[in-house]
Amino acid sequence: PEISEMYNIDLIQERIFAAFKQGFKIDNYHLNISPS
């Protein structure tokens, strides 16, 4: 809801992609999945 400049967009996207890179551990699986 509040974007003052493109830097805000880039920063948020970088946070999301960084979080996904850690992967997801579910039961006995370590799943790597990426977003678009």
PDB file of all heavy atoms in Angstrom:
ATOM      1  N   PRO A   1       0.783  -1.238   0.000  1.00  0.00           N
ATOM      2  CA  PRO A   1       0.000   0.000   0.000  1.00  0.00           C
ATOM      3  C   PRO A   1       0.814   1.287   0.000  1.00  0.00           C
ATOM      4  O   PRO A   1       0.310   2.331  -0.369  1.00  0.00           O
ATOM      5  CB  PRO A   1      -0.836  -0.117   1.280  1.00  0.00           C
ATOM      6  CG  PRO A   1      -0.077  -1.038   2.161  1.00  0.00           C
ATOM      7  CD  PRO A   1       0.656  -1.975   1.272  1.00  0.00           C
ATOM      8  N   GLU A   2       2.074   1.227   0.424  1.00  0.00           N
ATOM      9  CA  GLU A   2       2.885   2.448   0.469  1.00  0.00           C
ATOM     10  C   GLU A   2       4.238   2.210  -0.188  1.00  0.00           C
ATOM     11  O   GLU A   2       5.131   1.614   0.389  1.00  0.00           O
ATOM     12  CB  GLU A   2       3.090   2.920   1.916  1.00  0.00           C
ATOM     13  CG  GLU A   2       1.895   3.659   2.479  1.00  0.00           C
ATOM     14  CD  GLU A   2       2.247   4.523   3.679  1.00  0.00           C
ATOM     15  OE1 GLU A   2       3.440   4.794   3.872  1.00  0.00           O
ATOM     16  OE2 GLU A   2       1.328   4.904   4.403  1.00  0.00           O
ATOM     17  N   ILE A   3       4.358   2.690  -1.426  1.00  0.00           N
ATOM     18  CA  ILE A   3       5.606   2.594  -2.170  1.00  0.00           C
ATOM     19  C   ILE A   3       6.070   4.004  -2.498  1.00  0.00           C
ATOM     20  O   ILE A   3       5.427   4.712  -3.280  1.00  0.00           O
ATOM     21  CB  ILE A   3       5.420   1.787  -3.478  1.00  0.00           C
ATOM     22  CG1 ILE A   3       4.963   0.364  -3.160  1.00  0.00           C
ATOM     23  CG2 ILE A   3       6.695   1.784  -4.301  1.00  0.00           C
ATOM     24  CD1 ILE A   3       5.971  -0.447  -2.395  1.00  0.00           C
ATOM     25  N   SER A   4       7.151   4.437  -1.893  1.00  0.00           N
ATOM     26  CA  SER A   4       7.640   5.802  -2.121  1.00  0.00           C
ATOM     27  C   SER A   4       8.597   5.868  -3.302  1.00  0.00           C
ATOM     28  O   SER A   4       8.728   6.891  -3.964  1.00  0.00           O
ATOM     29  CB  SER A   4       8.326   6.346  -0.863  1.00  0.00           C
ATOM     30  OG  SER A   4       9.371   5.490  -0.458  1.00  0.00           O
ATOM     31  N   GLU A   5       9.280   4.742  -3.610  1.00  0.00           N
ATOM     32  CA  GLU A   5      10.217   4.704  -4.733  1.00  0.00           C
ATOM     33  C   GLU A   5      10.466   3.248  -5.114  1.00  0.00           C
ATOM     34  O   GLU A   5      10.133   2.323  -4.379  1.00  0.00           O
ATOM     35  CB  GLU A   5      11.530   5.395  -4.373  1.00  0.00           C
ATOM     36  CG  GLU A   5      12.162   4.879  -3.081  1.00  0.00           C
ATOM     37  CD  GLU A   5      13.387   5.687  -2.683  1.00  0.00           C
ATOM     38  OE1 GLU A   5      13.956   6.334  -3.574  1.00  0.00           O
ATOM     39  OE2 GLU A   5      13.752   5.665  -1.512  1.00  0.00           O
ATOM     40  N   MET A   6      11.055   3.034  -6.296  1.00  0.00           N
ATOM     41  CA  MET A   6      11.299   1.685  -6.791  1.00  0.00           C
ATOM     42  C   MET A   6      12.209   0.897  -5.862  1.00  0.00           C
ATOM     43  O   MET A   6      12.150  -0.338  -5.815  1.00  0.00           O
ATOM     44  CB  MET A   6      11.920   1.743  -8.185  1.00  0.00           C
ATOM     45  CG  MET A   6      10.900   1.752  -9.310  1.00  0.00           C
ATOM     46  SD  MET A   6       9.729   0.358  -9.221  1.00  0.00           S
ATOM     47  CE  MET A   6      10.818  -1.035  -9.366  1.00  0.00           C
ATOM     48  N   TYR A   7      13.003   1.592  -5.091  1.00  0.00           N
ATOM     49  CA  TYR A   7      13.892   0.913  -4.140  1.00  0.00           C
ATOM     50  C   TYR A   7      13.080   0.031  -3.191  1.00  0.00           C
ATOM     51  O   TYR A   7      13.512  -1.066  -2.828  1.00  0.00           O
ATOM     52  CB  TYR A   7      14.701   1.945  -3.357  1.00  0.00           C
ATOM     53  CG  TYR A   7      15.470   1.362  -2.191  1.00  0.00           C
ATOM     54  CD1 TYR A   7      16.650   0.644  -2.414  1.00  0.00           C
ATOM     55  CD2 TYR A   7      15.019   1.507  -0.881  1.00  0.00           C
ATOM     56  CE1 TYR A   7      17.361   0.095  -1.358  1.00  0.00           C
ATOM     57  CE2 TYR A   7      15.718   0.959   0.182  1.00  0.00           C
ATOM     58  CZ  TYR A   7      16.887   0.260  -0.056  1.00  0.00           C
ATOM     59  OH  TYR A   7      17.586  -0.291   0.997  1.00  0.00           O
ATOM     60  N   ASN A   8      11.897   0.513  -2.783  1.00  0.00           N
ATOM     61  CA  ASN A   8      11.040  -0.275  -1.891  1.00  0.00           C
ATOM     62  C   ASN A   8      10.630  -1.590  -2.545  1.00  0.00           C
ATOM     63  O   ASN A   8      10.645  -2.650  -1.913  1.00  0.00           O
ATOM     64  CB  ASN A   8       9.780   0.513  -1.524  1.00  0.00           C
ATOM     65  CG  ASN A   8      10.090   1.793  -0.761  1.00  0.00           C
ATOM     66  OD1 ASN A   8       9.463   2.816  -0.993  1.00  0.00           O
ATOM     67  ND2 ASN A   8      11.068   1.753   0.134  1.00  0.00           N
ATOM     68  N   ILE A   9      10.264  -1.514  -3.825  1.00  0.00           N
ATOM     69  CA  ILE A   9       9.859  -2.708  -4.565  1.00  0.00           C
ATOM     70  C   ILE A   9      11.015  -3.700  -4.641  1.00  0.00           C
ATOM     71  O   ILE A   9      10.865  -4.889  -4.332  1.00  0.00           O
ATOM     72  CB  ILE A   9       9.404  -2.325  -5.991  1.00  0.00           C
ATOM     73  CG1 ILE A   9       8.039  -1.619  -5.955  1.00  0.00           C
ATOM     74  CG2 ILE A   9       9.324  -3.562  -6.883  1.00  0.00           C
ATOM     75  CD1 ILE A   9       6.862  -2.521  -5.730  1.00  0.00           C
ATOM     76  N   ASP A  10      12.174  -3.213  -5.049  1.00  0.00           N
ATOM     77  CA  ASP A  10      13.340  -4.094  -5.200  1.00  0.00           C
ATOM     78  C   ASP A  10      13.718  -4.746  -3.872  1.00  0.00           C
ATOM     79  O   ASP A  10      14.037  -5.938  -3.823  1.00  0.00           O
ATOM     80  CB  ASP A  10      14.535  -3.303  -5.740  1.00  0.00           C
ATOM     81  CG  ASP A  10      14.309  -2.814  -7.167  1.00  0.00           C
ATOM     82  OD1 ASP A  10      13.533  -3.462  -7.886  1.00  0.00           O
ATOM     83  OD2 ASP A  10      14.879  -1.784  -7.544  1.00  0.00           O
ATOM     84  N   LEU A  11      13.673  -3.970  -2.806  1.00  0.00           N
ATOM     85  CA  LEU A  11      14.063  -4.489  -1.491  1.00  0.00           C
ATOM     86  C   LEU A  11      13.128  -5.611  -1.052  1.00  0.00           C
ATOM     87  O   LEU A  11      13.572  -6.652  -0.556  1.00  0.00           O
ATOM     88  CB  LEU A  11      14.052  -3.351  -0.461  1.00  0.00           C
ATOM     89  CG  LEU A  11      14.561  -3.707   0.949  1.00  0.00           C
ATOM     90  CD1 LEU A  11      16.014  -4.143   0.889  1.00  0.00           C
ATOM     91  CD2 LEU A  11      14.402  -2.513   1.883  1.00  0.00           C
ATOM     92  N   ILE A  12      11.832  -5.409  -1.238  1.00  0.00           N
ATOM     93  CA  ILE A  12      10.850  -6.420  -0.825  1.00  0.00           C
ATOM     94  C   ILE A  12      11.019  -7.690  -1.645  1.00  0.00           C
ATOM     95  O   ILE A  12      10.980  -8.809  -1.115  1.00  0.00           O
ATOM     96  CB  ILE A  12       9.417  -5.860  -0.958  1.00  0.00           C
ATOM     97  CG1 ILE A  12       9.198  -4.749   0.076  1.00  0.00           C
ATOM     98  CG2 ILE A  12       8.381  -6.963  -0.769  1.00  0.00           C
ATOM     99  CD1 ILE A  12       7.949  -3.938  -0.146  1.00  0.00           C
ATOM    100  N   GLN A  13      11.227  -7.547  -2.960  1.00  0.00           N
ATOM    101  CA  GLN A  13      11.409  -8.723  -3.809  1.00  0.00           C
ATOM    102  C   GLN A  13      12.670  -9.484  -3.407  1.00  0.00           C
ATOM    103  O   GLN A  13      12.684 -10.724  -3.370  1.00  0.00           O
ATOM    104  CB  GLN A  13      11.487  -8.325  -5.285  1.00  0.00           C
ATOM    105  CG  GLN A  13      10.328  -7.491  -5.795  1.00  0.00           C
ATOM    106  CD  GLN A  13       8.971  -8.072  -5.462  1.00  0.00           C
ATOM    107  OE1 GLN A  13       8.729  -9.256  -5.659  1.00  0.00           O
ATOM    108  NE2 GLN A  13       8.082  -7.241  -4.933  1.00  0.00           N
ATOM    109  N   GLU A  14      13.731  -8.755  -3.105  1.00  0.00           N
ATOM    110  CA  GLU A  14      14.981  -9.405  -2.695  1.00  0.00           C
ATOM    111  C   GLU A  14      14.788 -10.191  -1.403  1.00  0.00           C
ATOM    112  O   GLU A  14      15.346 -11.284  -1.236  1.00  0.00           O
ATOM    113  CB  GLU A  14      16.085  -8.364  -2.530  1.00  0.00           C
ATOM    114  CG  GLU A  14      16.608  -7.806  -3.862  1.00  0.00           C
ATOM    115  CD  GLU A  14      17.487  -6.583  -3.682  1.00  0.00           C
ATOM    116  OE1 GLU A  14      17.844  -6.278  -2.518  1.00  0.00           O
ATOM    117  OE2 GLU A  14      17.811  -5.931  -4.692  1.00  0.00           O
ATOM    118  N   ARG A  15      13.999  -9.633  -0.487  1.00  0.00           N
ATOM    119  CA  ARG A  15      13.704 -10.348   0.770  1.00  0.00           C
ATOM    120  C   ARG A  15      12.966 -11.654   0.481  1.00  0.00           C
ATOM    121  O   ARG A  15      13.253 -12.695   1.073  1.00  0.00           O
ATOM    122  CB  ARG A  15      12.834  -9.467   1.668  1.00  0.00           C
ATOM    123  CG  ARG A  15      13.586  -8.409   2.449  1.00  0.00           C
ATOM    124  CD  ARG A  15      12.634  -7.828   3.472  1.00  0.00           C
ATOM    125  NE  ARG A  15      13.005  -6.497   3.854  1.00  0.00           N
ATOM    126  CZ  ARG A  15      12.146  -5.544   4.205  1.00  0.00           C
ATOM    127  NH1 ARG A  15      10.849  -5.789   4.184  1.00  0.00           N
ATOM    128  NH2 ARG A  15      12.558  -4.356   4.577  1.00  0.00           N
ATOM    129  N   ILE A  16      11.982 -11.591  -0.409  1.00  0.00           N
ATOM    130  CA  ILE A  16      11.189 -12.780  -0.734  1.00  0.00           C
ATOM    131  C   ILE A  16      12.072 -13.850  -1.358  1.00  0.00           C
ATOM    132  O   ILE A  16      12.045 -15.020  -0.949  1.00  0.00           O
ATOM    133  CB  ILE A  16      10.028 -12.406  -1.680  1.00  0.00           C
ATOM    134  CG1 ILE A  16       9.008 -11.515  -0.952  1.00  0.00           C
ATOM    135  CG2 ILE A  16       9.336 -13.666  -2.202  1.00  0.00           C
ATOM    136  CD1 ILE A  16       7.929 -10.949  -1.849  1.00  0.00           C
ATOM    137  N   PHE A  17      12.886 -13.462  -2.338  1.00  0.00           N
ATOM    138  CA  PHE A  17      13.738 -14.446  -3.011  1.00  0.00           C
ATOM    139  C   PHE A  17      14.789 -15.014  -2.057  1.00  0.00           C
ATOM    140  O   PHE A  17      15.123 -16.204  -2.127  1.00  0.00           O
ATOM    141  CB  PHE A  17      14.398 -13.819  -4.239  1.00  0.00           C
ATOM    142  CG  PHE A  17      13.482 -13.758  -5.433  1.00  0.00           C
ATOM    143  CD1 PHE A  17      12.692 -12.646  -5.663  1.00  0.00           C
ATOM    144  CD2 PHE A  17      13.396 -14.830  -6.306  1.00  0.00           C
ATOM    145  CE1 PHE A  17      11.839 -12.588  -6.744  1.00  0.00           C
ATOM    146  CE2 PHE A  17      12.535 -14.784  -7.393  1.00  0.00           C
ATOM    147  CZ  PHE A  17      11.757 -13.663  -7.619  1.00  0.00           C
ATOM    148  N   ALA A  18      15.299 -14.184  -1.157  1.00  0.00           N
ATOM    149  CA  ALA A  18      16.272 -14.666  -0.172  1.00  0.00           C
ATOM    150  C   ALA A  18      15.636 -15.696   0.749  1.00  0.00           C
ATOM    151  O   ALA A  18      16.256 -16.711   1.112  1.00  0.00           O
ATOM    152  CB  ALA A  18      16.833 -13.498   0.624  1.00  0.00           C
ATOM    153  N   ALA A  19      14.384 -15.464   1.140  1.00  0.00           N
ATOM    154  CA  ALA A  19      13.680 -16.397   2.027  1.00  0.00           C
ATOM    155  C   ALA A  19      13.439 -17.739   1.329  1.00  0.00           C
ATOM    156  O   ALA A  19      13.571 -18.805   1.926  1.00  0.00           O
ATOM    157  CB  ALA A  19      12.355 -15.784   2.479  1.00  0.00           C
ATOM    158  N   PHE A  20      13.106 -17.688   0.039  1.00  0.00           N
ATOM    159  CA  PHE A  20      12.853 -18.927  -0.704  1.00  0.00           C
ATOM    160  C   PHE A  20      14.129 -19.748  -0.881  1.00  0.00           C
ATOM    161  O   PHE A  20      14.072 -20.976  -0.964  1.00  0.00           O
ATOM    162  CB  PHE A  20      12.257 -18.598  -2.074  1.00  0.00           C
ATOM    163  CG  PHE A  20      10.751 -18.544  -2.082  1.00  0.00           C
ATOM    164  CD1 PHE A  20      10.076 -17.414  -1.646  1.00  0.00           C
ATOM    165  CD2 PHE A  20      10.006 -19.616  -2.527  1.00  0.00           C
ATOM    166  CE1 PHE A  20       8.704 -17.355  -1.655  1.00  0.00           C
ATOM    167  CE2 PHE A  20       8.628 -19.575  -2.536  1.00  0.00           C
ATOM    168  CZ  PHE A  20       7.965 -18.445  -2.100  1.00  0.00           C
ATOM    169  N   LYS A  21      15.268 -19.085  -0.968  1.00  0.00           N
ATOM    170  CA  LYS A  21      16.518 -19.796  -1.206  1.00  0.00           C
ATOM    171  C   LYS A  21      16.872 -20.754  -0.070  1.00  0.00           C
ATOM    172  O   LYS A  21      17.638 -21.695  -0.257  1.00  0.00           O
ATOM    173  CB  LYS A  21      17.658 -18.794  -1.409  1.00  0.00           C
ATOM    174  CG  LYS A  21      17.679 -18.180  -2.797  1.00  0.00           C
ATOM    175  CD  LYS A  21      18.850 -17.240  -2.972  1.00  0.00           C
ATOM    176  CE  LYS A  21      18.856 -16.634  -4.373  1.00  0.00           C
ATOM    177  NZ  LYS A  21      19.959 -15.657  -4.552  1.00  0.00           N
ATOM    178  N   GLN A  22      16.315 -20.515   1.113  1.00  0.00           N
ATOM    179  CA  GLN A  22      16.598 -21.385   2.253  1.00  0.00           C
ATOM    180  C   GLN A  22      15.920 -22.746   2.123  1.00  0.00           C
ATOM    181  O   GLN A  22      16.281 -23.692   2.805  1.00  0.00           O
ATOM    182  CB  GLN A  22      16.163 -20.706   3.548  1.00  0.00           C
ATOM    183  CG  GLN A  22      16.912 -19.402   3.820  1.00  0.00           C
ATOM    184  CD  GLN A  22      16.384 -18.683   5.043  1.00  0.00           C
ATOM    185  OE1 GLN A  22      15.669 -19.270   5.850  1.00  0.00           O
ATOM    186  NE2 GLN A  22      16.730 -17.417   5.190  1.00  0.00           N
ATOM    187  N   GLY A  23      14.934 -22.839   1.233  1.00  0.00           N
ATOM    188  CA  GLY A  23      14.216 -24.097   1.042  1.00  0.00           C
ATOM    189  C   GLY A  23      13.196 -24.338   2.146  1.00  0.00           C
ATOM    190  O   GLY A  23      13.081 -23.563   3.110  1.00  0.00           O
ATOM    191  N   PHE A  24      12.449 -25.432   2.017  1.00  0.00           N
ATOM    192  CA  PHE A  24      11.376 -25.754   2.960  1.00  0.00           C
ATOM    193  C   PHE A  24      11.510 -27.209   3.394  1.00  0.00           C
ATOM    194  O   PHE A  24      11.494 -28.114   2.552  1.00  0.00           O
ATOM    195  CB  PHE A  24      10.009 -25.516   2.309  1.00  0.00           C
ATOM    196  CG  PHE A  24       9.808 -24.096   1.840  1.00  0.00           C
ATOM    197  CD1 PHE A  24      10.186 -23.718   0.556  1.00  0.00           C
ATOM    198  CD2 PHE A  24       9.270 -23.142   2.682  1.00  0.00           C
ATOM    199  CE1 PHE A  24      10.014 -22.417   0.116  1.00  0.00           C
ATOM    200  CE2 PHE A  24       9.104 -21.838   2.254  1.00  0.00           C
ATOM    201  CZ  PHE A  24       9.473 -21.469   0.970  1.00  0.00           C
ATOM    202  N   LYS A  25      11.632 -27.426   4.689  1.00  0.00           N
ATOM    203  CA  LYS A  25      11.759 -28.785   5.220  1.00  0.00           C
ATOM    204  C   LYS A  25      10.382 -29.285   5.638  1.00  0.00           C
ATOM    205  O   LYS A  25       9.746 -28.730   6.539  1.00  0.00           O
ATOM    206  CB  LYS A  25      12.727 -28.805   6.404  1.00  0.00           C
ATOM    207  CG  LYS A  25      13.006 -30.215   6.917  1.00  0.00           C
ATOM    208  CD  LYS A  25      14.125 -30.205   7.938  1.00  0.00           C
ATOM    209  CE  LYS A  25      14.376 -31.590   8.513  1.00  0.00           C
ATOM    210  NZ  LYS A  25      14.660 -32.587   7.467  1.00  0.00           N
ATOM    211  N   ILE A  26       9.911 -30.323   4.954  1.00  0.00           N
ATOM    212  CA  ILE A  26       8.592 -30.901   5.233  1.00  0.00           C
ATOM    213  C   ILE A  26       8.755 -32.412   5.385  1.00  0.00           C
ATOM    214  O   ILE A  26       9.211 -33.088   4.455  1.00  0.00           O
ATOM    215  CB  ILE A  26       7.594 -30.584   4.101  1.00  0.00           C
ATOM    216  CG1 ILE A  26       7.451 -29.066   3.924  1.00  0.00           C
ATOM    217  CG2 ILE A  26       6.246 -31.213   4.396  1.00  0.00           C
ATOM    218  CD1 ILE A  26       6.610 -28.674   2.746  1.00  0.00           C
ATOM    219  N   ASP A  27       8.398 -32.924   6.547  1.00  0.00           N
ATOM    220  CA  ASP A  27       8.572 -34.342   6.858  1.00  0.00           C
ATOM    221  C   ASP A  27      10.043 -34.714   6.612  1.00  0.00           C
ATOM    222  O   ASP A  27      10.924 -34.119   7.190  1.00  0.00           O
ATOM    223  CB  ASP A  27       7.608 -35.199   6.037  1.00  0.00           C
ATOM    224  CG  ASP A  27       6.146 -34.901   6.396  1.00  0.00           C
ATOM    225  OD1 ASP A  27       5.911 -34.259   7.443  1.00  0.00           O
ATOM    226  OD2 ASP A  27       5.242 -35.278   5.634  1.00  0.00           O
ATOM    227  N   ASN A  28      10.284 -35.657   5.720  1.00  0.00           N
ATOM    228  CA  ASN A  28      11.674 -36.059   5.447  1.00  0.00           C
ATOM    229  C   ASN A  28      12.224 -35.433   4.174  1.00  0.00           C
ATOM    230  O   ASN A  28      13.266 -35.849   3.668  1.00  0.00           O
ATOM    231  CB  ASN A  28      11.766 -37.588   5.328  1.00  0.00           C
ATOM    232  CG  ASN A  28      11.440 -38.267   6.651  1.00  0.00           C
ATOM    233  OD1 ASN A  28      11.801 -37.759   7.711  1.00  0.00           O
ATOM    234  ND2 ASN A  28      10.759 -39.394   6.583  1.00  0.00           N
ATOM    235  N   TYR A  29      11.525 -34.425   3.669  1.00  0.00           N
ATOM    236  CA  TYR A  29      11.937 -33.798   2.417  1.00  0.00           C
ATOM    237  C   TYR A  29      12.479 -32.389   2.673  1.00  0.00           C
ATOM    238  O   TYR A  29      11.989 -31.670   3.542  1.00  0.00           O
ATOM    239  CB  TYR A  29      10.756 -33.690   1.453  1.00  0.00           C
ATOM    240  CG  TYR A  29      10.121 -35.013   1.105  1.00  0.00           C
ATOM    241  CD1 TYR A  29       8.948 -35.433   1.747  1.00  0.00           C
ATOM    242  CD2 TYR A  29      10.678 -35.845   0.141  1.00  0.00           C
ATOM    243  CE1 TYR A  29       8.356 -36.643   1.430  1.00  0.00           C
ATOM    244  CE2 TYR A  29      10.093 -37.058  -0.181  1.00  0.00           C
ATOM    245  CZ  TYR A  29       8.933 -37.454   0.467  1.00  0.00           C
ATOM    246  OH  TYR A  29       8.346 -38.648   0.151  1.00  0.00           O
ATOM    247  N   HIS A  30      13.489 -32.029   1.895  1.00  0.00           N
ATOM    248  CA  HIS A  30      13.945 -30.636   1.859  1.00  0.00           C
ATOM    249  C   HIS A  30      13.646 -30.132   0.455  1.00  0.00           C
ATOM    250  O   HIS A  30      14.315 -30.513  -0.514  1.00  0.00           O
ATOM    251  CB  HIS A  30      15.431 -30.519   2.163  1.00  0.00           C
ATOM    252  CG  HIS A  30      15.887 -29.093   2.268  1.00  0.00           C
ATOM    253  ND1 HIS A  30      15.780 -28.359   3.439  1.00  0.00           N
ATOM    254  CD2 HIS A  30      16.411 -28.243   1.346  1.00  0.00           C
ATOM    255  CE1 HIS A  30      16.229 -27.136   3.225  1.00  0.00           C
ATOM    256  NE2 HIS A  30      16.621 -27.043   1.958  1.00  0.00           N
ATOM    257  N   LEU A  31      12.606 -29.310   0.339  1.00  0.00           N
ATOM    258  CA  LEU A  31      12.117 -28.894  -0.977  1.00  0.00           C
ATOM    259  C   LEU A  31      12.656 -27.522  -1.352  1.00  0.00           C
ATOM    260  O   LEU A  31      12.599 -26.578  -0.558  1.00  0.00           O
ATOM    261  CB  LEU A  31      10.584 -28.862  -0.975  1.00  0.00           C
ATOM    262  CG  LEU A  31       9.890 -30.174  -0.584  1.00  0.00           C
ATOM    263  CD1 LEU A  31       8.392 -29.988  -0.578  1.00  0.00           C
ATOM    264  CD2 LEU A  31      10.297 -31.297  -1.524  1.00  0.00           C
ATOM    265  N   ASN A  32      13.169 -27.434  -2.565  1.00  0.00           N
ATOM    266  CA  ASN A  32      13.610 -26.154  -3.111  1.00  0.00           C
ATOM    267  C   ASN A  32      12.637 -25.746  -4.208  1.00  0.00           C
ATOM    268  O   ASN A  32      12.451 -26.484  -5.180  1.00  0.00           O
ATOM    269  CB  ASN A  32      15.027 -26.267  -3.681  1.00  0.00           C
ATOM    270  CG  ASN A  32      16.058 -26.467  -2.586  1.00  0.00           C
ATOM    271  OD1 ASN A  32      16.248 -25.597  -1.746  1.00  0.00           O
ATOM    272  ND2 ASN A  32      16.711 -27.619  -2.576  1.00  0.00           N
ATOM    273  N   ILE A  33      12.023 -24.611  -4.031  1.00  0.00           N
ATOM    274  CA  ILE A  33      11.075 -24.114  -5.024  1.00  0.00           C
ATOM    275  C   ILE A  33      11.275 -22.610  -5.148  1.00  0.00           C
ATOM    276  O   ILE A  33      11.607 -21.935  -4.165  1.00  0.00           O
ATOM    277  CB  ILE A  33       9.613 -24.444  -4.631  1.00  0.00           C
ATOM    278  CG1 ILE A  33       8.671 -24.190  -5.807  1.00  0.00           C
ATOM    279  CG2 ILE A  33       9.167 -23.688  -3.386  1.00  0.00           C
ATOM    280  CD1 ILE A  33       7.304 -24.822  -5.617  1.00  0.00           C
ATOM    281  N   SER A  34      11.119 -22.112  -6.342  1.00  0.00           N
ATOM    282  CA  SER A  34      11.364 -20.682  -6.578  1.00  0.00           C
ATOM    283  C   SER A  34      10.073 -19.983  -6.971  1.00  0.00           C
ATOM    284  O   SER A  34       9.158 -20.607  -7.511  1.00  0.00           O
ATOM    285  CB  SER A  34      12.417 -20.505  -7.680  1.00  0.00           C
ATOM    286  OG  SER A  34      11.970 -21.111  -8.880  1.00  0.00           O
ATOM    287  N   PRO A  35       9.993 -18.664  -6.724  1.00  0.00           N
ATOM    288  CA  PRO A  35       8.825 -17.906  -7.150  1.00  0.00           C
ATOM    289  C   PRO A  35       9.107 -17.119  -8.431  1.00  0.00           C
ATOM    290  O   PRO A  35      10.254 -16.797  -8.741  1.00  0.00           O
ATOM    291  CB  PRO A  35       8.602 -16.941  -5.979  1.00  0.00           C
ATOM    292  CG  PRO A  35       9.997 -16.653  -5.486  1.00  0.00           C
ATOM    293  CD  PRO A  35      10.820 -17.892  -5.772  1.00  0.00           C
ATOM    294  N   SER A  36       8.069 -16.838  -9.168  1.00  0.00           N
ATOM    295  CA  SER A  36       8.116 -15.861 -10.257  1.00  0.00           C
ATOM    296  C   SER A  36       7.097 -14.778  -9.903  1.00  0.00           C
ATOM    297  O   SER A  36       5.991 -15.092  -9.446  1.00  0.00           O
ATOM    298  CB  SER A  36       7.766 -16.502 -11.592  1.00  0.00           C
ATOM    299  OG  SER A  36       8.751 -17.432 -11.973  1.00  0.00           O
TER     300      SER A  36
END
